[in-house]
């Protein structure tokens, strides 16, 4: 059964779109851009459906030789001019980000962990803000040559 309504997911957590999520292609392109390799190294993205009002936690796995510190440095450089991206400090290796941190905001929180040759990237967003409405406002701002942050810098809230 492939339902995603609250009545079906309440008190349940399940993996979905295993090996077929629509965002896997764009994530692969970002990995290729950041790693400087073409094609991108194989990546596994396993999203979970959880009974929550707001929030998405993405966890992506890729094989690579970069250290945690190198992943952090690359992310800091790549997102340096991105006002809505918060990269956890390099000292917070192996810590996951939390969806509640982004609730009611246009922010995305990212972090990385490394074990052996596996690099894990974590990202948390508010799917109603960054994932939908906030992203539309940010894109409209850019198309109208306004500040990308216009109308989007409110403090995060808990619904």
Protein backbone atom coordinates (compact mmCIF):
# COMPACT_ATOMS: atom_id res chain seq x y z
CA UNK A 1 0.00 0.00 0.00
CA UNK A 2 1.51 3.35 -1.05
CA UNK A 3 -0.45 5.87 1.04
CA UNK A 4 0.94 8.91 2.76
CA UNK A 5 -2.11 10.36 4.55
CA UNK A 6 -1.87 11.01 8.27
CA UNK A 7 -4.38 8.29 9.15
CA UNK A 8 -2.15 5.72 7.42
CA UNK A 9 1.16 6.92 8.89
CA UNK A 10 0.17 7.88 12.45
CA UNK A 11 2.15 5.82 14.98
CA UNK A 12 4.25 4.37 12.16
CA UNK A 13 7.62 4.98 10.48
CA UNK A 14 8.46 3.37 7.16
CA UNK A 15 11.02 3.64 4.37
CA UNK A 16 9.55 4.71 1.04
CA UNK A 17 10.61 5.05 -2.58
CA UNK A 18 13.54 2.74 -1.87
CA UNK A 19 16.01 3.05 -4.79
CA UNK A 20 13.58 5.22 -6.72
CA UNK A 21 13.20 8.61 -5.06
CA UNK A 22 12.73 11.47 -7.52
CA UNK A 23 15.45 13.63 -5.91
CA UNK A 24 18.22 11.03 -6.22
CA UNK A 25 19.27 12.32 -9.66
CA UNK A 26 19.71 15.93 -8.51
CA UNK A 27 21.57 14.76 -5.38
CA UNK A 28 23.92 12.79 -7.63
CA UNK A 29 24.56 15.92 -9.69
CA UNK A 30 25.38 17.90 -6.53
CA UNK A 31 27.76 15.16 -5.35
CA UNK A 32 29.49 15.18 -8.75
CA UNK A 33 29.84 18.97 -8.59
CA UNK A 34 31.20 18.95 -5.03
CA UNK A 35 33.52 15.97 -5.52
CA UNK A 36 34.72 16.97 -8.96
CA UNK A 37 34.01 13.47 -10.30
CA UNK A 38 31.89 12.52 -13.28
CA UNK A 39 29.88 10.48 -13.09
CA UNK A 40 29.09 10.90 -9.43
CA UNK A 41 30.04 8.02 -7.16
CA UNK A 42 27.13 5.68 -6.35
CA UNK A 43 24.85 7.09 -3.65
CA UNK A 44 22.08 5.61 -1.54
CA UNK A 45 19.21 7.82 -0.40
CA UNK A 46 16.69 6.18 1.88
CA UNK A 47 13.88 8.52 2.95
CA UNK A 48 11.49 7.70 5.76
CA UNK A 49 7.86 8.64 6.17
CA UNK A 50 7.20 9.70 9.76
CA UNK A 51 3.99 10.97 11.37
CA UNK A 52 5.00 14.58 11.93
CA UNK A 53 3.38 17.88 11.04
CA UNK A 54 6.51 19.47 9.57
CA UNK A 55 9.96 18.28 8.69
CA UNK A 56 12.10 16.11 6.49
CA UNK A 57 15.29 14.39 7.57
CA UNK A 58 17.37 13.26 4.61
CA UNK A 59 20.19 10.78 5.05
CA UNK A 60 22.42 9.98 2.09
CA UNK A 61 25.24 7.44 1.92
CA UNK A 62 28.14 7.55 -0.54
CA UNK A 63 31.49 5.79 -0.76
CA UNK A 64 34.47 8.11 -0.73
CA UNK A 65 37.89 8.90 0.66
CA UNK A 66 37.19 12.40 2.01
CA UNK A 67 37.56 12.82 5.76
CA UNK A 68 34.84 14.32 7.91
CA UNK A 69 36.89 17.52 8.13
CA UNK A 70 37.21 17.66 4.33
CA UNK A 71 33.44 17.18 3.91
CA UNK A 72 32.85 19.99 6.38
CA UNK A 73 35.36 22.32 4.66
CA UNK A 74 33.84 21.63 1.22
CA UNK A 75 30.32 22.26 2.54
CA UNK A 76 31.38 25.49 4.30
CA UNK A 77 32.93 26.78 1.07
CA UNK A 78 30.05 25.61 -1.15
CA UNK A 79 27.36 27.13 1.10
CA UNK A 80 29.31 30.25 2.15
CA UNK A 81 26.89 32.57 0.33
CA UNK A 82 23.73 30.59 1.06
CA UNK A 83 21.84 32.52 3.74
CA UNK A 84 19.53 29.62 4.62
CA UNK A 85 22.09 26.80 4.99
CA UNK A 86 23.55 25.99 8.38
CA UNK A 87 26.47 23.54 8.38
CA UNK A 88 27.18 22.03 11.79
CA UNK A 89 30.73 22.56 13.02
CA UNK A 90 33.42 20.02 12.18
CA UNK A 91 33.63 19.13 15.88
CA UNK A 92 30.11 17.66 15.71
CA UNK A 93 31.12 14.62 13.68
CA UNK A 94 28.59 11.80 13.67
CA UNK A 95 25.80 14.00 15.05
CA UNK A 96 22.55 14.05 13.17
CA UNK A 97 20.66 17.24 12.53
CA UNK A 98 17.13 17.58 13.90
CA UNK A 99 13.97 18.50 12.02
CA UNK A 100 12.73 20.62 14.91
CA UNK A 101 15.67 23.00 14.44
CA UNK A 102 14.21 24.07 11.06
CA UNK A 103 10.53 24.17 12.04
CA UNK A 104 8.80 27.29 10.74
CA UNK A 105 11.86 28.52 8.87
CA UNK A 106 13.42 28.47 5.43
CA UNK A 107 16.61 26.99 6.90
CA UNK A 108 18.33 23.71 6.09
CA UNK A 109 20.73 22.16 8.59
CA UNK A 110 23.45 19.86 7.26
CA UNK A 111 26.16 17.68 8.74
CA UNK A 112 28.39 14.80 7.75
CA UNK A 113 29.72 11.63 9.33
CA UNK A 114 32.40 9.24 8.13
CA UNK A 115 32.96 5.59 8.93
CA UNK A 116 35.43 3.57 6.91
CA UNK A 117 34.86 4.56 3.28
CA UNK A 118 31.22 5.54 3.87
CA UNK A 119 30.30 9.22 4.03
CA UNK A 120 26.88 10.03 5.44
CA UNK A 121 25.26 13.40 4.72
CA UNK A 122 22.36 14.57 6.89
CA UNK A 123 19.97 17.42 6.08
CA UNK A 124 16.89 18.66 7.95
CA UNK A 125 14.27 21.08 6.62
CA UNK A 126 10.73 22.19 7.32
CA UNK A 127 8.96 20.69 4.31
CA UNK A 128 6.15 23.27 4.47
CA UNK A 129 8.58 26.20 4.53
CA UNK A 130 11.83 25.34 2.74
CA UNK A 131 10.23 22.46 0.90
CA UNK A 132 7.30 24.43 -0.51
CA UNK A 133 6.19 27.95 0.37
CA UNK A 134 9.57 29.35 1.44
CA UNK A 135 11.28 27.93 -1.62
CA UNK A 136 8.64 29.57 -3.86
CA UNK A 137 9.17 32.95 -2.15
CA UNK A 138 12.95 32.61 -2.41
CA UNK A 139 12.70 31.77 -6.13
CA UNK A 140 10.28 34.67 -6.75
CA UNK A 141 12.69 37.02 -4.96
CA UNK A 142 15.53 35.89 -7.21
CA UNK A 143 13.44 36.18 -10.39
CA UNK A 144 12.40 39.71 -9.39
CA UNK A 145 16.02 40.60 -8.55
CA UNK A 146 15.18 41.13 -4.89
CA UNK A 147 17.21 39.95 -1.91
CA UNK A 148 16.80 36.16 -1.70
CA UNK A 149 16.06 36.52 2.03
CA UNK A 150 13.19 39.01 1.67
CA UNK A 151 10.25 37.83 3.79
CA UNK A 152 12.05 34.67 4.87
CA UNK A 153 14.25 35.62 7.82
CA UNK A 154 11.73 35.08 10.63
CA UNK A 155 12.82 33.06 13.63
CA UNK A 156 11.98 29.34 13.54
CA UNK A 157 8.85 28.37 15.47
CA UNK A 158 7.24 25.24 16.79
CA UNK A 159 3.74 24.68 15.36
